[in-house]
Amino acid sequence: MFASAFARPVTALAASIAILFAFTSVCAPAFAVGAPQPRAPASWSALESQVAARDAVGGADPRQAFLMRDLFEHDVARRLKVPLADQRVYGMRLEAALDANTLGNLSGEYVVLVDRNPNVQALFIYFRAIPADDWQLIGASPVATGRPGQYDHFITPLGVFEHTPDNMDFRAEGTMNANGIRGYGRHDLRIFDFGWAQGERGWGKGGMSQMRFQMHATDPDKLEPLLGIRHSKGCVRIPAALDRFLDHYGILDAEYQDLVDSGRSLWVLHADRQITPWAGRFIVVVDSARKTRPAWSPAPSSTLRAKMPAGADTAD
C-alpha cells in the first residue's frame, strides 16, 4: 500500500562484498535487556566515524553496516536477546513481507521490523548487503502496539510502510496530557510519521478505518517500563534510547537525506546527526501468531502493570 520498488544500490568494491560473505556468516551478538555498555570516548568517536564514513567517490564498505550492532548495544538500554534461530525466522518473515510488496530484492539499507503479536511486542533492525544474502539482525527492543477494546483504538496495521518526507516527521514538545502523561515522551524526541493507513478498528463491530500511523517514544517514567504489552492507540511505542538511536544515525532517513543532499534544510534533523550510508526507508509490521510468549521477550512484571496510570492507553 505504501511501498514502492526502489532499492538503494550497494556501491562497495567486489572484494569487500566477498569479505562480507564470510563476515555475515558469523552469529550476530546477542543482546540483553540492560544498561548501555560503557565505552572509552576515543574509541566511541572512532566507531561513529567508521559507521558514517564514505570513500572518495561516495561509496561505503558494507561491513560498516554491521558495526551498528556495537552502536546499538552502546546506545539502547532496553534490548532483547534474540536467539539465533529466531533471528533467522524473523529474517525470513521480513523477506516474505517485502517480497509480497514487490521489494524482494531490497538490500543495502536498514529495515525496521515489528512483530505486533500480543505475545511478542518487539522491534528488530535488519540489514543485508545484497539480495542473495540472508537478512542479519542488528538489534532488537520491546515495543507497545495497538490495544483493542476501547473507542478510537486500532490494531496496529500489517504491511510495509515507507518513511518519506511527504509525511514530515516532527518532535515531541514533552508536555503532559490531561492524565499527566507525556504521550510522545521527553521534549525533542522524534515522531516518525508514516502517514495515513488502513487500520482495523479495535472497538464496536470492528472493520477498517483510516488511522495516522506513527512510531515514537512514550512517557519515560510511567509508560516506558510497560513496553512489551499492547497499550497504544495503534502506533508503535518505542524506548526513548531507541528513538534517539534511529534519529541520530538516520536509520530510516534515506529519503530525508536525499532532500538534504539536494540542498534542502530540514528543521526536524539535528545538526550533529551521524547518518549512516546504509540509511533505509521502510518499517514492516508482521504478526507471528505465536501462542505463547518467548523467553527472550519478557512481559512487564505484574508489579509494573499494577502501577499503570489511568489513561495509559490513550496517550497517543
Protein backbone atom coordinates (compact mmCIF):
# COMPACT_ATOMS: atom_id res chain seq x y z
CA MET A 1 0.00 0.00 0.00
CA PHE A 2 2.77 2.44 0.95
CA ALA A 3 5.68 0.57 -0.58
CA SER A 4 7.35 1.08 -3.93
CA ALA A 5 10.12 -0.92 -5.54
CA PHE A 6 13.26 1.14 -5.29
CA ALA A 7 16.27 -0.36 -3.55
CA ARG A 8 19.46 1.55 -2.80
CA PRO A 9 22.39 0.03 -4.71
CA VAL A 10 25.41 -1.31 -2.90
CA THR A 11 28.44 0.62 -4.13
CA ALA A 12 31.29 -1.18 -2.37
CA LEU A 13 34.03 -2.92 -4.31
CA ALA A 14 33.58 -6.57 -5.21
CA ALA A 15 36.42 -7.53 -2.92
CA SER A 16 34.63 -6.02 0.03
CA ILE A 17 31.50 -7.96 -0.84
CA ALA A 18 33.47 -11.18 -0.91
CA ILE A 19 34.83 -10.49 2.55
CA LEU A 20 31.33 -9.65 3.73
CA PHE A 21 30.05 -13.15 2.91
CA ALA A 22 32.42 -14.58 5.49
CA PHE A 23 31.63 -11.80 7.96
CA THR A 24 27.87 -12.24 7.87
CA SER A 25 28.11 -15.98 8.42
CA VAL A 26 29.17 -15.27 11.99
CA CYS A 27 26.38 -15.27 14.54
CA ALA A 28 25.15 -11.80 15.47
CA PRO A 29 25.94 -10.81 19.04
CA ALA A 30 23.13 -11.48 21.47
CA PHE A 31 21.54 -8.53 23.21
CA ALA A 32 20.03 -8.45 26.67
CA VAL A 33 17.77 -6.06 28.49
CA GLY A 34 20.11 -3.82 30.44
CA ALA A 35 22.11 -0.63 30.62
CA PRO A 36 24.19 0.62 27.68
CA GLN A 37 27.74 -0.65 27.68
CA PRO A 38 30.50 1.81 28.69
CA ARG A 39 32.97 2.80 26.01
CA ALA A 40 36.08 4.94 26.10
CA PRO A 41 35.36 8.32 24.44
CA ALA A 42 38.15 7.98 21.86
CA SER A 43 37.10 4.53 20.64
CA TRP A 44 33.45 5.55 20.69
CA SER A 45 34.15 8.56 18.47
CA ALA A 46 36.21 6.41 16.10
CA LEU A 47 33.42 3.85 15.80
CA GLU A 48 30.88 6.56 14.98
CA SER A 49 33.22 7.88 12.31
CA GLN A 50 33.60 4.43 10.80
CA VAL A 51 29.84 3.95 10.59
CA ALA A 52 29.35 7.27 8.79
CA ALA A 53 32.46 7.03 6.56
CA ARG A 54 32.34 7.09 2.77
CA ASP A 55 35.13 6.71 0.26
CA ALA A 56 36.31 9.32 -2.24
CA VAL A 57 33.50 8.54 -4.70
CA GLY A 58 30.75 8.35 -2.10
CA GLY A 59 30.66 4.58 -1.68
CA ALA A 60 30.95 2.60 1.54
CA ASP A 61 32.14 -0.82 2.62
CA PRO A 62 29.09 -2.94 3.54
CA ARG A 63 30.96 -4.34 6.52
CA GLN A 64 30.45 -0.94 8.14
CA ALA A 65 26.72 -1.63 8.34
CA PHE A 66 27.32 -4.37 10.90
CA LEU A 67 29.27 -2.04 13.18
CA MET A 68 25.84 -0.67 14.01
CA ARG A 69 25.42 -3.69 16.28
CA ASP A 70 28.05 -2.27 18.63
CA LEU A 71 26.46 1.16 18.50
CA PHE A 72 23.04 -0.33 19.24
CA GLU A 73 24.42 -2.13 22.28
CA HIS A 74 26.11 1.04 23.47
CA ASP A 75 23.15 3.39 22.92
CA VAL A 76 20.00 1.39 23.56
CA ALA A 77 19.30 0.38 27.15
CA ARG A 78 16.17 -1.71 26.53
CA ARG A 79 17.47 -4.53 24.38
CA LEU A 80 16.22 -8.05 23.68
CA LYS A 81 18.49 -11.09 23.45
CA VAL A 82 17.04 -12.88 20.43
CA PRO A 83 18.30 -16.45 19.84
CA LEU A 84 19.94 -17.10 16.50
CA ALA A 85 17.14 -19.46 15.39
CA ASP A 86 14.53 -16.74 15.97
CA GLN A 87 16.74 -14.14 14.28
CA ARG A 88 16.65 -16.31 11.16
CA VAL A 89 12.90 -16.89 11.38
CA TYR A 90 12.19 -13.18 11.62
CA GLY A 91 14.62 -12.54 8.78
CA MET A 92 12.55 -14.89 6.63
CA ARG A 93 9.32 -13.19 7.75
CA LEU A 94 10.83 -9.88 6.71
CA GLU A 95 11.82 -11.23 3.31
CA ALA A 96 8.34 -12.68 2.73
CA ALA A 97 6.67 -9.37 3.61
CA LEU A 98 8.99 -7.40 1.34
CA ASP A 99 8.52 -9.87 -1.50
CA ALA A 100 4.74 -9.55 -1.19
CA ASN A 101 5.18 -5.80 -1.73
CA THR A 102 7.47 -6.06 -4.79
CA LEU A 103 10.53 -5.35 -2.64
CA GLY A 104 12.01 -8.83 -2.57
CA ASN A 105 15.37 -7.59 -3.88
CA LEU A 106 15.70 -4.81 -1.34
CA SER A 107 19.23 -4.69 0.09
CA GLY A 108 21.98 -2.30 1.08
CA GLU A 109 19.83 -0.49 3.63
CA TYR A 110 18.45 -1.00 7.12
CA VAL A 111 14.86 -2.13 7.58
CA VAL A 112 12.80 -1.97 10.77
CA LEU A 113 10.59 -4.98 11.51
CA VAL A 114 7.86 -5.03 14.17
CA ASP A 115 6.05 -8.11 15.47
CA ARG A 116 2.70 -6.84 16.75
CA ASN A 117 1.74 -10.23 18.19
CA PRO A 118 0.49 -9.77 21.79
CA ASN A 119 2.96 -12.42 22.98
CA VAL A 120 5.99 -10.73 21.39
CA GLN A 121 5.69 -6.92 21.01
CA ALA A 122 9.21 -6.44 19.66
CA LEU A 123 11.09 -4.35 17.12
CA PHE A 124 14.06 -5.62 15.11
CA ILE A 125 16.55 -3.80 12.89
CA TYR A 126 17.83 -5.88 9.97
CA PHE A 127 20.40 -5.45 7.20
CA ARG A 128 21.75 -7.34 4.21
CA ALA A 129 24.30 -6.14 1.68
CA ILE A 130 22.98 -7.84 -1.46
CA PRO A 131 19.74 -9.68 -2.34
CA ALA A 132 21.47 -13.07 -2.24
CA ASP A 133 22.31 -12.64 1.45
CA ASP A 134 20.12 -13.54 4.38
CA TRP A 135 18.82 -10.67 6.48
CA GLN A 136 21.03 -10.19 9.55
CA LEU A 137 19.87 -8.81 12.90
CA ILE A 138 21.40 -5.56 14.14
CA GLY A 139 19.42 -5.25 17.38
CA ALA A 140 16.00 -5.68 18.98
CA SER A 141 13.92 -3.87 21.62
CA PRO A 142 10.49 -4.19 23.26
CA VAL A 143 7.63 -2.05 21.95
CA ALA A 144 3.93 -1.47 22.50
CA THR A 145 1.41 -1.64 19.67
CA GLY A 146 -2.35 -1.05 19.37
CA ARG A 147 -4.57 -2.30 22.18
CA PRO A 148 -8.14 -3.10 21.07
CA GLY A 149 -11.21 -2.89 23.25
CA GLN A 150 -11.74 0.84 23.56
CA TYR A 151 -13.11 3.54 21.27
CA ASP A 152 -10.63 5.03 18.80
CA HIS A 153 -8.11 2.25 19.44
CA PHE A 154 -6.78 0.47 16.37
CA ILE A 155 -4.91 -2.77 15.96
CA THR A 156 -1.55 -1.74 14.54
CA PRO A 157 -1.77 -2.31 10.77
CA LEU A 158 0.19 -5.01 8.98
CA GLY A 159 2.27 -4.29 5.90
CA VAL A 160 5.24 -2.39 4.52
CA PHE A 161 5.23 1.35 5.20
CA GLU A 162 7.52 3.90 3.66
CA HIS A 163 9.15 6.64 5.71
CA THR A 164 9.01 9.65 3.43
CA PRO A 165 9.14 13.44 3.88
CA ASP A 166 5.75 13.52 2.16
CA ASN A 167 4.57 12.86 5.74
CA MET A 168 7.08 15.06 7.54
CA ASP A 169 8.23 13.97 10.99
CA PHE A 170 8.07 16.29 13.96
CA ARG A 171 9.42 16.44 17.51
CA ALA A 172 7.82 15.98 20.90
CA GLU A 173 7.02 19.01 23.00
CA GLY A 174 7.34 16.98 26.19
CA THR A 175 4.13 18.37 27.66
CA MET A 176 1.68 16.47 29.87
CA ASN A 177 -1.81 15.50 28.71
CA ALA A 178 -4.94 15.58 30.87
CA ASN A 179 -3.85 12.36 32.58
CA GLY A 180 -0.40 13.67 33.46
CA ILE A 181 1.28 11.59 30.73
CA ARG A 182 3.82 12.73 28.15
CA GLY A 183 2.36 10.83 25.23
CA TYR A 184 5.30 11.40 22.88
CA GLY A 185 7.92 11.24 25.60
CA ARG A 186 10.54 13.80 26.51
CA HIS A 187 10.99 17.11 24.76
CA ASP A 188 12.69 16.93 21.34
CA LEU A 189 12.30 13.19 20.75
CA ARG A 190 11.37 12.40 17.19
CA ILE A 191 7.98 11.23 15.98
CA PHE A 192 8.40 9.06 12.87
CA ASP A 193 5.30 9.64 10.73
CA PHE A 194 4.25 7.07 8.12
CA GLY A 195 1.09 8.87 7.05
CA TRP A 196 -2.47 7.61 6.84
CA ALA A 197 -3.01 3.85 6.85
CA GLN A 198 -5.97 1.49 6.84
CA GLY A 199 -6.23 0.15 10.35
CA GLU A 200 -8.56 -2.39 11.90
CA ARG A 201 -10.85 -0.76 14.45
CA GLY A 202 -10.48 -2.33 17.88
CA TRP A 203 -13.92 -1.27 19.08
CA GLY A 204 -17.55 -1.84 18.19
CA LYS A 205 -18.08 -4.17 15.24
CA GLY A 206 -14.54 -3.75 14.00
CA GLY A 207 -13.95 -3.04 10.34
CA MET A 208 -11.34 -0.84 8.70
CA SER A 209 -10.79 2.91 9.00
CA GLN A 210 -8.08 5.45 8.32
CA MET A 211 -5.59 5.98 11.16
CA ARG A 212 -2.41 8.02 11.42
CA PHE A 213 0.43 5.55 11.72
CA GLN A 214 3.44 6.73 13.72
CA MET A 215 6.37 5.34 15.68
CA HIS A 216 7.51 7.31 18.71
CA ALA A 217 8.75 7.26 22.30
CA THR A 218 6.42 7.36 25.27
CA ASP A 219 6.33 8.67 28.83
CA PRO A 220 9.78 7.70 30.19
CA ASP A 221 8.66 7.19 33.77
CA LYS A 222 5.08 5.92 33.60
CA LEU A 223 4.85 4.02 30.31
CA GLU A 224 8.29 3.05 29.01
CA PRO A 225 8.66 0.35 31.73
CA LEU A 226 5.44 -1.18 30.33
CA LEU A 227 6.82 -1.76 26.85
CA GLY A 228 6.31 -5.38 25.87
CA ILE A 229 2.50 -5.37 26.07
CA ARG A 230 -0.11 -3.76 23.85
CA HIS A 231 -1.21 -0.39 25.19
CA SER A 232 -1.17 2.18 22.38
CA LYS A 233 -4.00 3.52 20.21
CA GLY A 234 -2.42 1.91 17.15
CA CYS A 235 1.01 3.48 16.84
CA VAL A 236 4.28 1.74 17.72
CA ARG A 237 5.73 2.98 21.02
CA ILE A 238 9.47 2.51 21.40
CA PRO A 239 12.10 3.18 24.10
CA ALA A 240 13.45 6.73 24.20
CA ALA A 241 17.02 5.48 23.66
CA LEU A 242 15.92 3.60 20.54
CA ASP A 243 14.16 6.73 19.27
CA ARG A 244 17.41 8.69 19.65
CA PHE A 245 19.39 5.87 18.02
CA LEU A 246 17.15 5.76 14.94
CA ASP A 247 17.22 9.55 14.76
CA HIS A 248 20.95 10.13 15.28
CA TYR A 249 22.13 7.57 12.72
CA GLY A 250 19.33 8.19 10.23
CA ILE A 251 18.40 4.51 10.19
CA LEU A 252 15.14 5.29 8.30
CA ASP A 253 16.19 8.61 6.76
CA ALA A 254 17.22 7.71 3.20
CA GLU A 255 14.63 9.99 1.61
CA TYR A 256 15.20 12.77 4.15
CA GLN A 257 18.89 12.67 3.30
CA ASP A 258 18.09 12.87 -0.41
CA LEU A 259 16.44 16.22 0.29
CA VAL A 260 19.42 17.38 2.35
CA ASP A 261 21.79 16.36 -0.45
CA SER A 262 19.71 18.41 -2.88
CA GLY A 263 20.23 21.50 -0.74
CA ARG A 264 17.11 21.47 1.43
CA SER A 265 17.33 22.42 5.10
CA LEU A 266 15.06 20.30 7.29
CA TRP A 267 14.46 21.61 10.79
CA VAL A 268 13.48 18.17 12.10
CA LEU A 269 17.03 16.84 11.55
CA HIS A 270 19.65 17.63 14.19
CA ALA A 271 22.89 19.20 13.03
CA ASP A 272 25.06 16.69 14.91
CA ARG A 273 23.49 13.56 13.39
CA GLN A 274 25.79 10.87 12.02
CA ILE A 275 23.72 9.44 9.20
CA THR A 276 24.82 6.01 8.03
CA PRO A 277 25.49 5.32 4.33
CA TRP A 278 23.04 2.45 4.75
CA ALA A 279 20.04 4.55 5.72
CA GLY A 280 16.73 2.88 4.86
CA ARG A 281 13.11 3.91 4.47
CA PHE A 282 10.81 1.03 5.39
CA ILE A 283 9.09 -0.27 8.50
CA VAL A 284 7.50 -3.70 8.16
CA VAL A 285 4.77 -4.87 10.56
CA VAL A 286 4.03 -8.59 10.88
CA ASP A 287 2.11 -10.83 13.26
CA SER A 288 3.94 -14.05 14.13
CA ALA A 289 0.74 -15.58 15.59
CA ARG A 290 2.76 -17.02 18.47
CA LYS A 291 0.53 -18.64 21.08
CA THR A 292 2.97 -18.30 23.96
CA ARG A 293 5.47 -15.63 24.93
CA PRO A 294 9.11 -16.45 24.14
CA ALA A 295 11.58 -16.18 27.00
CA TRP A 296 13.63 -13.60 25.11
CA SER A 297 10.70 -11.12 25.04
CA PRO A 298 9.54 -10.91 28.67
CA ALA A 299 6.33 -9.08 29.56
CA PRO A 300 6.39 -6.31 32.19
CA SER A 301 6.00 -7.66 35.71
CA SER A 302 2.68 -7.71 37.50
CA THR A 303 4.08 -5.07 39.86
CA LEU A 304 4.72 -2.69 36.97
CA ARG A 305 1.32 -3.43 35.42
CA ALA A 306 -0.37 -2.65 38.71
CA LYS A 307 1.21 0.82 38.56
CA MET A 308 -0.15 1.55 35.08
CA PRO A 309 -1.67 5.05 35.30
CA ALA A 310 -5.19 5.92 34.21
CA GLY A 311 -5.39 6.78 30.54
CA ALA A 312 -2.12 4.97 29.75
CA ASP A 313 -3.52 3.59 26.50
CA THR A 314 -4.88 6.94 25.32
CA ALA A 315 -1.59 8.84 25.40
CA ASP A 316 -1.07 8.81 21.63
